[in-house]
Protein backbone atom coordinates (compact mmCIF):
# COMPACT_ATOMS: atom_id res chain seq x y z
CA PRO A 1 -29.67 -28.80 -15.89
CA LYS A 2 -31.98 -26.15 -17.82
CA GLY A 3 -34.62 -28.43 -18.24
CA GLY A 4 -37.85 -28.00 -20.40
CA PRO A 5 -41.50 -28.80 -20.95
CA LYS A 6 -43.25 -32.24 -20.64
CA ASP A 7 -44.65 -34.11 -23.03
CA ILE A 8 -43.70 -32.57 -25.91
CA VAL A 9 -45.37 -34.07 -29.44
CA ALA A 10 -42.72 -34.53 -32.04
CA ILE A 11 -44.10 -35.13 -35.29
CA VAL A 12 -41.82 -37.97 -37.59
CA LYS A 13 -41.72 -36.70 -40.88
CA GLY A 14 -39.14 -39.16 -42.82
CA SER A 15 -36.01 -39.30 -40.66
CA ASP A 16 -36.74 -36.29 -39.06
CA LEU A 17 -38.57 -35.08 -36.00
CA TYR A 18 -40.34 -32.00 -35.60
CA PHE A 19 -41.22 -29.79 -32.48
CA PRO A 20 -44.09 -27.30 -32.10
CA ASP A 21 -41.75 -24.67 -31.11
CA GLY A 22 -39.97 -25.16 -34.83
CA ASN A 23 -37.17 -26.86 -33.62
CA SER A 24 -36.22 -30.09 -35.59
CA TRP A 25 -33.81 -32.97 -35.51
CA THR A 26 -32.21 -34.33 -38.40
CA LYS A 27 -30.76 -37.89 -38.50
CA ASN A 28 -27.21 -37.98 -39.34
CA SER A 29 -26.17 -39.84 -42.30
CA GLY A 30 -23.67 -42.31 -42.44
CA VAL A 31 -23.41 -45.50 -39.84
CA ASP A 32 -25.03 -43.74 -36.79
CA GLY A 33 -28.32 -45.65 -36.33
CA ILE A 34 -30.03 -48.38 -34.33
CA TYR A 35 -30.21 -51.52 -36.37
CA SER A 36 -32.27 -54.49 -36.14
CA ASP A 37 -30.87 -58.24 -36.12
CA PRO A 38 -33.39 -61.13 -36.91
CA ASN A 39 -31.38 -63.23 -34.95
CA HIS A 40 -32.46 -61.30 -31.62
CA PRO A 41 -35.77 -59.92 -32.85
CA ASP A 42 -36.21 -58.57 -29.44
CA GLY A 43 -32.78 -56.96 -29.03
CA TYR A 44 -31.26 -53.94 -30.56
CA ARG A 45 -27.94 -52.68 -32.11
CA VAL A 46 -26.79 -48.63 -31.25
CA VAL A 47 -24.06 -48.07 -33.78
CA ARG A 48 -22.31 -44.58 -33.32
CA ALA A 49 -19.08 -43.08 -35.32
CA SER A 50 -16.37 -42.44 -32.59
CA SER A 51 -13.13 -40.40 -33.10
CA GLY A 52 -10.15 -41.85 -34.55
CA GLY A 53 -11.93 -43.96 -37.23
CA ASN A 54 -13.66 -46.15 -34.32
CA VAL A 55 -16.83 -47.39 -34.51
CA MET A 56 -18.96 -47.82 -31.09
CA ILE A 57 -21.41 -50.45 -30.96
CA THR A 58 -24.22 -50.99 -27.95
CA LEU A 59 -26.20 -54.24 -28.02
CA GLN A 60 -28.85 -56.18 -26.30
CA ASP A 61 -30.07 -59.47 -27.66
CA GLU A 62 -33.38 -59.42 -25.97
CA PRO A 63 -34.87 -56.89 -23.30
CA SER A 64 -34.03 -58.91 -20.17
CA GLY A 65 -30.26 -59.33 -21.91
CA PRO A 66 -27.06 -57.65 -20.65
CA MET A 67 -26.12 -55.12 -22.77
CA VAL A 68 -22.86 -55.17 -24.48
CA GLU A 69 -20.33 -52.31 -25.45
CA LEU A 70 -18.58 -53.53 -28.97
CA VAL A 71 -15.32 -51.68 -30.71
CA GLY A 72 -15.53 -51.59 -34.29
CA LYS A 73 -12.89 -49.98 -36.78
CA ARG A 74 -13.31 -48.42 -39.64
CA SER A 75 -11.11 -50.21 -42.75
CA SER A 76 -9.62 -48.26 -45.72
CA ASN A 77 -12.23 -49.35 -47.73
CA GLY A 78 -15.32 -48.13 -45.50
CA ASP A 79 -16.31 -51.18 -44.27
CA ILE A 80 -16.51 -51.78 -40.11
CA LEU A 81 -14.06 -54.71 -38.33
CA ILE A 82 -15.98 -55.58 -35.20
CA ASP A 83 -14.25 -57.51 -32.48
CA PHE A 84 -16.96 -59.35 -30.67
CA SER A 85 -14.63 -60.90 -28.33
CA SER A 86 -16.49 -59.66 -25.30
CA LYS A 87 -19.63 -60.90 -26.37
CA GLY A 88 -18.32 -64.47 -26.53
CA GLY A 89 -18.19 -64.90 -29.82
């Protein structure tokens, strides 16, 4: 791997990150992102669009809990149908 410098400060402006060397990262639009769940305030849900209309979801209900991988499928109207069976519900 190429590697890089240590302890670089990224400045947050809106949903973008800006670096001292002029580089910037822009958050993609769409469903991709990190979501919070009021039923699990210490957990997280990471949603990523994938190929073939699939949506990959990684979630963890609490910091010491297991990470669970779920698969969702985009419907024709753009909604996401999520299979929670691997989570047990």
